[in-house]
Amino acid sequence: MRAIWGKRRAQGYNMRIMKVTRRFSLDRPTRMTLAIPAELIFWGCPVIPLHVADTQCILKLETIRERIRPLIPRRR
């Protein structure tokens, strides 16, 4: 598995890739994270919540891995 986050371009389609992780196994826990600036997560919102303003939202890839692992058939 590999995680990618991208920023939408001004014209409203396509995106600019901002970060790509190295490959990691769905079968093994990971400590990898993606850090996305809060202003991009809350883009278009009139007010960014104060507890995340001027910071980054950290996505733990382990949480995502745990959720999708049961949905992927095992290889034989």
PDB file of N, CA and C in Angstrom:
ATOM      1  N   MET A   1       0.853  -1.170   0.000  1.00  0.00           N
ATOM      2  CA  MET A   1       0.000   0.000   0.000  1.00  0.00           C
ATOM      3  C   MET A   1       0.894   1.225   0.000  1.00  0.00           C
ATOM      4  N   ARG A   2       0.379   2.297  -0.522  1.00  0.00           N
ATOM      5  CA  ARG A   2       1.069   3.577  -0.533  1.00  0.00           C
ATOM      6  C   ARG A   2       0.005   4.652  -0.271  1.00  0.00           C
ATOM      7  N   ALA A   3       0.342   5.664   0.482  1.00  0.00           N
ATOM      8  CA  ALA A   3      -0.599   6.754   0.748  1.00  0.00           C
ATOM      9  C   ALA A   3      -0.123   8.011   0.019  1.00  0.00           C
ATOM     10  N   ILE A   4      -1.077   8.747  -0.515  1.00  0.00           N
ATOM     11  CA  ILE A   4      -0.787   9.958  -1.286  1.00  0.00           C
ATOM     12  C   ILE A   4      -1.788  11.028  -0.873  1.00  0.00           C
ATOM     13  N   TRP A   5      -1.323  12.263  -0.743  1.00  0.00           N
ATOM     14  CA  TRP A   5      -2.283  13.350  -0.618  1.00  0.00           C
ATOM     15  C   TRP A   5      -1.931  14.409  -1.648  1.00  0.00           C
ATOM     16  N   GLY A   6      -2.988  14.994  -2.199  1.00  0.00           N
ATOM     17  CA  GLY A   6      -2.812  15.996  -3.239  1.00  0.00           C
ATOM     18  C   GLY A   6      -3.663  17.215  -2.968  1.00  0.00           C
ATOM     19  N   LYS A   7      -3.275  18.294  -3.573  1.00  0.00           N
ATOM     20  CA  LYS A   7      -3.964  19.574  -3.415  1.00  0.00           C
ATOM     21  C   LYS A   7      -4.677  19.884  -4.734  1.00  0.00           C
ATOM     22  N   ARG A   8      -5.972  20.153  -4.643  1.00  0.00           N
ATOM     23  CA  ARG A   8      -6.756  20.444  -5.843  1.00  0.00           C
ATOM     24  C   ARG A   8      -6.237  21.703  -6.518  1.00  0.00           C
ATOM     25  N   ARG A   9      -6.196  21.677  -7.823  1.00  0.00           N
ATOM     26  CA  ARG A   9      -5.745  22.847  -8.576  1.00  0.00           C
ATOM     27  C   ARG A   9      -6.845  23.908  -8.623  1.00  0.00           C
ATOM     28  N   ALA A  10      -6.472  25.123  -8.912  1.00  0.00           N
ATOM     29  CA  ALA A  10      -7.400  26.267  -8.889  1.00  0.00           C
ATOM     30  C   ALA A  10      -8.585  26.076  -9.836  1.00  0.00           C
ATOM     31  N   GLN A  11      -8.387  25.394 -10.962  1.00  0.00           N
ATOM     32  CA  GLN A  11      -9.485  25.224 -11.918  1.00  0.00           C
ATOM     33  C   GLN A  11     -10.535  24.224 -11.436  1.00  0.00           C
ATOM     34  N   GLY A  12     -10.286  23.547 -10.304  1.00  0.00           N
ATOM     35  CA  GLY A  12     -11.292  22.670  -9.718  1.00  0.00           C
ATOM     36  C   GLY A  12     -11.178  21.213 -10.121  1.00  0.00           C
ATOM     37  N   TYR A  13     -10.218  20.854 -10.927  1.00  0.00           N
ATOM     38  CA  TYR A  13     -10.003  19.450 -11.276  1.00  0.00           C
ATOM     39  C   TYR A  13      -8.500  19.205 -11.332  1.00  0.00           C
ATOM     40  N   ASN A  14      -8.149  17.921 -11.378  1.00  0.00           N
ATOM     41  CA  ASN A  14      -6.753  17.515 -11.267  1.00  0.00           C
ATOM     42  C   ASN A  14      -6.216  17.912  -9.893  1.00  0.00           C
ATOM     43  N   MET A  15      -5.028  17.500  -9.606  1.00  0.00           N
ATOM     44  CA  MET A  15      -4.436  17.887  -8.332  1.00  0.00           C
ATOM     45  C   MET A  15      -2.924  17.871  -8.432  1.00  0.00           C
ATOM     46  N   ARG A  16      -2.321  18.577  -7.519  1.00  0.00           N
ATOM     47  CA  ARG A  16      -0.873  18.594  -7.393  1.00  0.00           C
ATOM     48  C   ARG A  16      -0.517  17.643  -6.256  1.00  0.00           C
ATOM     49  N   ILE A  17       0.281  16.632  -6.541  1.00  0.00           N
ATOM     50  CA  ILE A  17       0.677  15.673  -5.513  1.00  0.00           C
ATOM     51  C   ILE A  17       1.632  16.366  -4.555  1.00  0.00           C
ATOM     52  N   MET A  18       1.285  16.325  -3.274  1.00  0.00           N
ATOM     53  CA  MET A  18       2.086  16.995  -2.259  1.00  0.00           C
ATOM     54  C   MET A  18       2.975  16.017  -1.491  1.00  0.00           C
ATOM     55  N   LYS A  19       2.497  14.801  -1.286  1.00  0.00           N
ATOM     56  CA  LYS A  19       3.270  13.825  -0.511  1.00  0.00           C
ATOM     57  C   LYS A  19       2.891  12.417  -0.950  1.00  0.00           C
ATOM     58  N   VAL A  20       3.896  11.572  -1.120  1.00  0.00           N
ATOM     59  CA  VAL A  20       3.709  10.152  -1.415  1.00  0.00           C
ATOM     60  C   VAL A  20       4.564   9.381  -0.412  1.00  0.00           C
ATOM     61  N   THR A  21       3.952   8.438   0.282  1.00  0.00           N
ATOM     62  CA  THR A  21       4.721   7.633   1.236  1.00  0.00           C
ATOM     63  C   THR A  21       5.449   6.517   0.501  1.00  0.00           C
ATOM     64  N   ARG A  22       6.394   5.941   1.168  1.00  0.00           N
ATOM     65  CA  ARG A  22       7.003   4.727   0.627  1.00  0.00           C
ATOM     66  C   ARG A  22       5.969   3.608   0.755  1.00  0.00           C
ATOM     67  N   ARG A  23       6.193   2.529   0.064  1.00  0.00           N
ATOM     68  CA  ARG A  23       5.270   1.397   0.137  1.00  0.00           C
ATOM     69  C   ARG A  23       5.340   0.758   1.520  1.00  0.00           C
ATOM     70  N   PHE A  24       4.177   0.294   1.985  1.00  0.00           N
ATOM     71  CA  PHE A  24       4.138  -0.438   3.249  1.00  0.00           C
ATOM     72  C   PHE A  24       3.115  -1.555   3.148  1.00  0.00           C
ATOM     73  N   SER A  25       3.304  -2.563   3.971  1.00  0.00           N
ATOM     74  CA  SER A  25       2.477  -3.760   3.919  1.00  0.00           C
ATOM     75  C   SER A  25       1.150  -3.552   4.634  1.00  0.00           C
ATOM     76  N   LEU A  26       0.090  -4.080   4.039  1.00  0.00           N
ATOM     77  CA  LEU A  26      -1.209  -4.073   4.718  1.00  0.00           C
ATOM     78  C   LEU A  26      -1.234  -5.067   5.872  1.00  0.00           C
ATOM     79  N   ASP A  27      -0.297  -6.006   5.856  1.00  0.00           N
ATOM     80  CA  ASP A  27      -0.280  -7.061   6.860  1.00  0.00           C
ATOM     81  C   ASP A  27       0.565  -6.738   8.093  1.00  0.00           C
ATOM     82  N   ARG A  28       1.229  -5.594   8.085  1.00  0.00           N
ATOM     83  CA  ARG A  28       2.082  -5.235   9.222  1.00  0.00           C
ATOM     84  C   ARG A  28       1.748  -3.829   9.712  1.00  0.00           C
ATOM     85  N   PRO A  29       1.724  -3.628  11.015  1.00  0.00           N
ATOM     86  CA  PRO A  29       1.466  -2.283  11.561  1.00  0.00           C
ATOM     87  C   PRO A  29       2.513  -1.278  11.069  1.00  0.00           C
ATOM     88  N   THR A  30       2.102  -0.017  11.006  1.00  0.00           N
ATOM     89  CA  THR A  30       2.998   1.049  10.582  1.00  0.00           C
ATOM     90  C   THR A  30       2.876   2.239  11.522  1.00  0.00           C
ATOM     91  N   ARG A  31       3.943   3.005  11.615  1.00  0.00           N
ATOM     92  CA  ARG A  31       3.915   4.253  12.395  1.00  0.00           C
ATOM     93  C   ARG A  31       3.887   5.475  11.476  1.00  0.00           C
ATOM     94  N   MET A  32       3.759   5.253  10.176  1.00  0.00           N
ATOM     95  CA  MET A  32       3.787   6.372   9.228  1.00  0.00           C
ATOM     96  C   MET A  32       2.560   7.276   9.396  1.00  0.00           C
ATOM     97  N   THR A  33       2.773   8.526   9.077  1.00  0.00           N
ATOM     98  CA  THR A  33       1.694   9.521   9.132  1.00  0.00           C
ATOM     99  C   THR A  33       1.765  10.411   7.896  1.00  0.00           C
ATOM    100  N   LEU A  34       0.679  11.097   7.639  1.00  0.00           N
ATOM    101  CA  LEU A  34       0.649  12.183   6.656  1.00  0.00           C
ATOM    102  C   LEU A  34       0.269  13.443   7.421  1.00  0.00           C
ATOM    103  N   ALA A  35       0.997  14.517   7.197  1.00  0.00           N
ATOM    104  CA  ALA A  35       0.701  15.805   7.831  1.00  0.00           C
ATOM    105  C   ALA A  35       0.153  16.736   6.761  1.00  0.00           C
ATOM    106  N   ILE A  36      -1.095  17.130   6.922  1.00  0.00           N
ATOM    107  CA  ILE A  36      -1.762  17.996   5.949  1.00  0.00           C
ATOM    108  C   ILE A  36      -2.101  19.310   6.643  1.00  0.00           C
ATOM    109  N   PRO A  37      -1.709  20.447   6.053  1.00  0.00           N
ATOM    110  CA  PRO A  37      -2.012  21.736   6.685  1.00  0.00           C
ATOM    111  C   PRO A  37      -3.517  21.910   6.925  1.00  0.00           C
ATOM    112  N   ALA A  38      -3.861  22.366   8.115  1.00  0.00           N
ATOM    113  CA  ALA A  38      -5.266  22.526   8.497  1.00  0.00           C
ATOM    114  C   ALA A  38      -6.019  23.442   7.532  1.00  0.00           C
ATOM    115  N   GLU A  39      -5.356  24.473   7.016  1.00  0.00           N
ATOM    116  CA  GLU A  39      -6.079  25.381   6.121  1.00  0.00           C
ATOM    117  C   GLU A  39      -6.495  24.693   4.825  1.00  0.00           C
ATOM    118  N   LEU A  40      -5.838  23.609   4.451  1.00  0.00           N
ATOM    119  CA  LEU A  40      -6.254  22.856   3.268  1.00  0.00           C
ATOM    120  C   LEU A  40      -7.405  21.910   3.586  1.00  0.00           C
ATOM    121  N   ILE A  41      -7.398  21.342   4.778  1.00  0.00           N
ATOM    122  CA  ILE A  41      -8.502  20.471   5.196  1.00  0.00           C
ATOM    123  C   ILE A  41      -9.790  21.293   5.313  1.00  0.00           C
ATOM    124  N   PHE A  42      -9.681  22.491   5.866  1.00  0.00           N
ATOM    125  CA  PHE A  42     -10.852  23.328   6.115  1.00  0.00           C
ATOM    126  C   PHE A  42     -11.042  24.400   5.047  1.00  0.00           C
ATOM    127  N   TRP A  43     -10.459  24.200   3.862  1.00  0.00           N
ATOM    128  CA  TRP A  43     -10.587  25.174   2.777  1.00  0.00           C
ATOM    129  C   TRP A  43     -12.060  25.430   2.480  1.00  0.00           C
ATOM    130  N   GLY A  44     -12.422  26.679   2.367  1.00  0.00           N
ATOM    131  CA  GLY A  44     -13.798  27.051   2.073  1.00  0.00           C
ATOM    132  C   GLY A  44     -14.668  27.252   3.300  1.00  0.00           C
ATOM    133  N   CYS A  45     -14.186  26.823   4.459  1.00  0.00           N
ATOM    134  CA  CYS A  45     -14.949  27.036   5.691  1.00  0.00           C
ATOM    135  C   CYS A  45     -14.741  28.475   6.147  1.00  0.00           C
ATOM    136  N   PRO A  46     -15.795  29.125   6.621  1.00  0.00           N
ATOM    137  CA  PRO A  46     -15.638  30.512   7.051  1.00  0.00           C
ATOM    138  C   PRO A  46     -14.661  30.679   8.219  1.00  0.00           C
ATOM    139  N   VAL A  47     -14.586  29.680   9.098  1.00  0.00           N
ATOM    140  CA  VAL A  47     -13.696  29.766  10.259  1.00  0.00           C
ATOM    141  C   VAL A  47     -13.044  28.400  10.467  1.00  0.00           C
ATOM    142  N   ILE A  48     -11.725  28.417  10.599  1.00  0.00           N
ATOM    143  CA  ILE A  48     -11.019  27.185  10.957  1.00  0.00           C
ATOM    144  C   ILE A  48     -11.110  27.058  12.474  1.00  0.00           C
ATOM    145  N   PRO A  49     -11.490  25.882  12.985  1.00  0.00           N
ATOM    146  CA  PRO A  49     -11.574  25.722  14.440  1.00  0.00           C
ATOM    147  C   PRO A  49     -10.265  26.136  15.112  1.00  0.00           C
ATOM    148  N   LEU A  50     -10.382  26.871  16.197  1.00  0.00           N
ATOM    149  CA  LEU A  50      -9.201  27.423  16.867  1.00  0.00           C
ATOM    150  C   LEU A  50      -8.193  26.373  17.306  1.00  0.00           C
ATOM    151  N   HIS A  51      -8.657  25.193  17.685  1.00  0.00           N
ATOM    152  CA  HIS A  51      -7.725  24.182  18.177  1.00  0.00           C
ATOM    153  C   HIS A  51      -6.878  23.558  17.067  1.00  0.00           C
ATOM    154  N   VAL A  52      -7.202  23.840  15.795  1.00  0.00           N
ATOM    155  CA  VAL A  52      -6.366  23.332  14.699  1.00  0.00           C
ATOM    156  C   VAL A  52      -5.792  24.447  13.823  1.00  0.00           C
ATOM    157  N   ALA A  53      -6.159  25.682  14.089  1.00  0.00           N
ATOM    158  CA  ALA A  53      -5.643  26.796  13.290  1.00  0.00           C
ATOM    159  C   ALA A  53      -4.123  26.865  13.408  1.00  0.00           C
ATOM    160  N   ASP A  54      -3.472  27.238  12.322  1.00  0.00           N
ATOM    161  CA  ASP A  54      -2.004  27.353  12.280  1.00  0.00           C
ATOM    162  C   ASP A  54      -1.300  26.050  12.658  1.00  0.00           C
ATOM    163  N   THR A  55      -1.854  24.942  12.245  1.00  0.00           N
ATOM    164  CA  THR A  55      -1.248  23.652  12.565  1.00  0.00           C
ATOM    165  C   THR A  55      -1.472  22.687  11.414  1.00  0.00           C
ATOM    166  N   GLN A  56      -1.086  21.469  11.632  1.00  0.00           N
ATOM    167  CA  GLN A  56      -1.271  20.435  10.628  1.00  0.00           C
ATOM    168  C   GLN A  56      -2.156  19.336  11.194  1.00  0.00           C
ATOM    169  N   CYS A  57      -2.957  18.752  10.334  1.00  0.00           N
ATOM    170  CA  CYS A  57      -3.764  17.601  10.715  1.00  0.00           C
ATOM    171  C   CYS A  57      -2.924  16.363  10.421  1.00  0.00           C
ATOM    172  N   ILE A  58      -2.685  15.571  11.435  1.00  0.00           N
ATOM    173  CA  ILE A  58      -1.854  14.383  11.306  1.00  0.00           C
ATOM    174  C   ILE A  58      -2.758  13.165  11.121  1.00  0.00           C
ATOM    175  N   LEU A  59      -2.611  12.495   9.996  1.00  0.00           N
ATOM    176  CA  LEU A  59      -3.366  11.281   9.726  1.00  0.00           C
ATOM    177  C   LEU A  59      -2.468  10.086  10.009  1.00  0.00           C
ATOM    178  N   LYS A  60      -2.885   9.241  10.925  1.00  0.00           N
ATOM    179  CA  LYS A  60      -2.126   8.038  11.247  1.00  0.00           C
ATOM    180  C   LYS A  60      -2.504   6.955  10.241  1.00  0.00           C
ATOM    181  N   LEU A  61      -1.537   6.533   9.462  1.00  0.00           N
ATOM    182  CA  LEU A  61      -1.803   5.534   8.437  1.00  0.00           C
ATOM    183  C   LEU A  61      -2.146   4.175   9.037  1.00  0.00           C
ATOM    184  N   GLU A  62      -1.764   3.938  10.274  1.00  0.00           N
ATOM    185  CA  GLU A  62      -2.143   2.694  10.942  1.00  0.00           C
ATOM    186  C   GLU A  62      -3.656   2.607  11.097  1.00  0.00           C
ATOM    187  N   THR A  63      -4.293   3.713  11.416  1.00  0.00           N
ATOM    188  CA  THR A  63      -5.755   3.726  11.553  1.00  0.00           C
ATOM    189  C   THR A  63      -6.410   3.361  10.226  1.00  0.00           C
ATOM    190  N   ILE A  64      -5.908   3.924   9.150  1.00  0.00           N
ATOM    191  CA  ILE A  64      -6.455   3.634   7.818  1.00  0.00           C
ATOM    192  C   ILE A  64      -6.178   2.175   7.454  1.00  0.00           C
ATOM    193  N   ARG A  65      -4.957   1.707   7.699  1.00  0.00           N
ATOM    194  CA  ARG A  65      -4.584   0.327   7.389  1.00  0.00           C
ATOM    195  C   ARG A  65      -5.498  -0.661   8.117  1.00  0.00           C
ATOM    196  N   GLU A  66      -5.757  -0.405   9.397  1.00  0.00           N
ATOM    197  CA  GLU A  66      -6.620  -1.294  10.174  1.00  0.00           C
ATOM    198  C   GLU A  66      -8.036  -1.368   9.609  1.00  0.00           C
ATOM    199  N   ARG A  67      -8.520  -0.251   9.099  1.00  0.00           N
ATOM    200  CA  ARG A  67      -9.893  -0.218   8.581  1.00  0.00           C
ATOM    201  C   ARG A  67     -10.026  -0.902   7.226  1.00  0.00           C
ATOM    202  N   ILE A  68      -9.019  -0.758   6.368  1.00  0.00           N
ATOM    203  CA  ILE A  68      -9.170  -1.333   5.023  1.00  0.00           C
ATOM    204  C   ILE A  68      -8.655  -2.769   4.917  1.00  0.00           C
ATOM    205  N   ARG A  69      -7.803  -3.205   5.845  1.00  0.00           N
ATOM    206  CA  ARG A  69      -7.235  -4.551   5.755  1.00  0.00           C
ATOM    207  C   ARG A  69      -8.293  -5.634   5.641  1.00  0.00           C
ATOM    208  N   PRO A  70      -9.365  -5.607   6.445  1.00  0.00           N
ATOM    209  CA  PRO A  70     -10.378  -6.672   6.327  1.00  0.00           C
ATOM    210  C   PRO A  70     -11.116  -6.662   4.985  1.00  0.00           C
ATOM    211  N   LEU A  71     -11.047  -5.568   4.259  1.00  0.00           N
ATOM    212  CA  LEU A  71     -11.771  -5.460   2.978  1.00  0.00           C
ATOM    213  C   LEU A  71     -10.979  -5.996   1.795  1.00  0.00           C
ATOM    214  N   ILE A  72      -9.681  -6.244   1.985  1.00  0.00           N
ATOM    215  CA  ILE A  72      -8.802  -6.687   0.904  1.00  0.00           C
ATOM    216  C   ILE A  72      -8.617  -8.196   1.003  1.00  0.00           C
ATOM    217  N   PRO A  73      -8.957  -8.950  -0.071  1.00  0.00           N
ATOM    218  CA  PRO A  73      -8.748 -10.404  -0.009  1.00  0.00           C
ATOM    219  C   PRO A  73      -7.265 -10.750   0.110  1.00  0.00           C
ATOM    220  N   ARG A  74      -6.975 -11.764   0.863  1.00  0.00           N
ATOM    221  CA  ARG A  74      -5.576 -12.218   1.008  1.00  0.00           C
ATOM    222  C   ARG A  74      -5.135 -12.915  -0.265  1.00  0.00           C
ATOM    223  N   ARG A  75      -3.855 -12.733  -0.608  1.00  0.00           N
ATOM    224  CA  ARG A  75      -3.278 -13.434  -1.748  1.00  0.00           C
ATOM    225  C   ARG A  75      -3.023 -14.874  -1.388  1.00  0.00           C
ATOM    226  N   ARG A  76      -3.076 -15.727  -2.380  1.00  0.00           N
ATOM    227  CA  ARG A  76      -2.778 -17.151  -2.149  1.00  0.00           C
ATOM    228  C   ARG A  76      -1.451 -17.506  -2.729  1.00  0.00           C
TER     229      ARG A  76
END
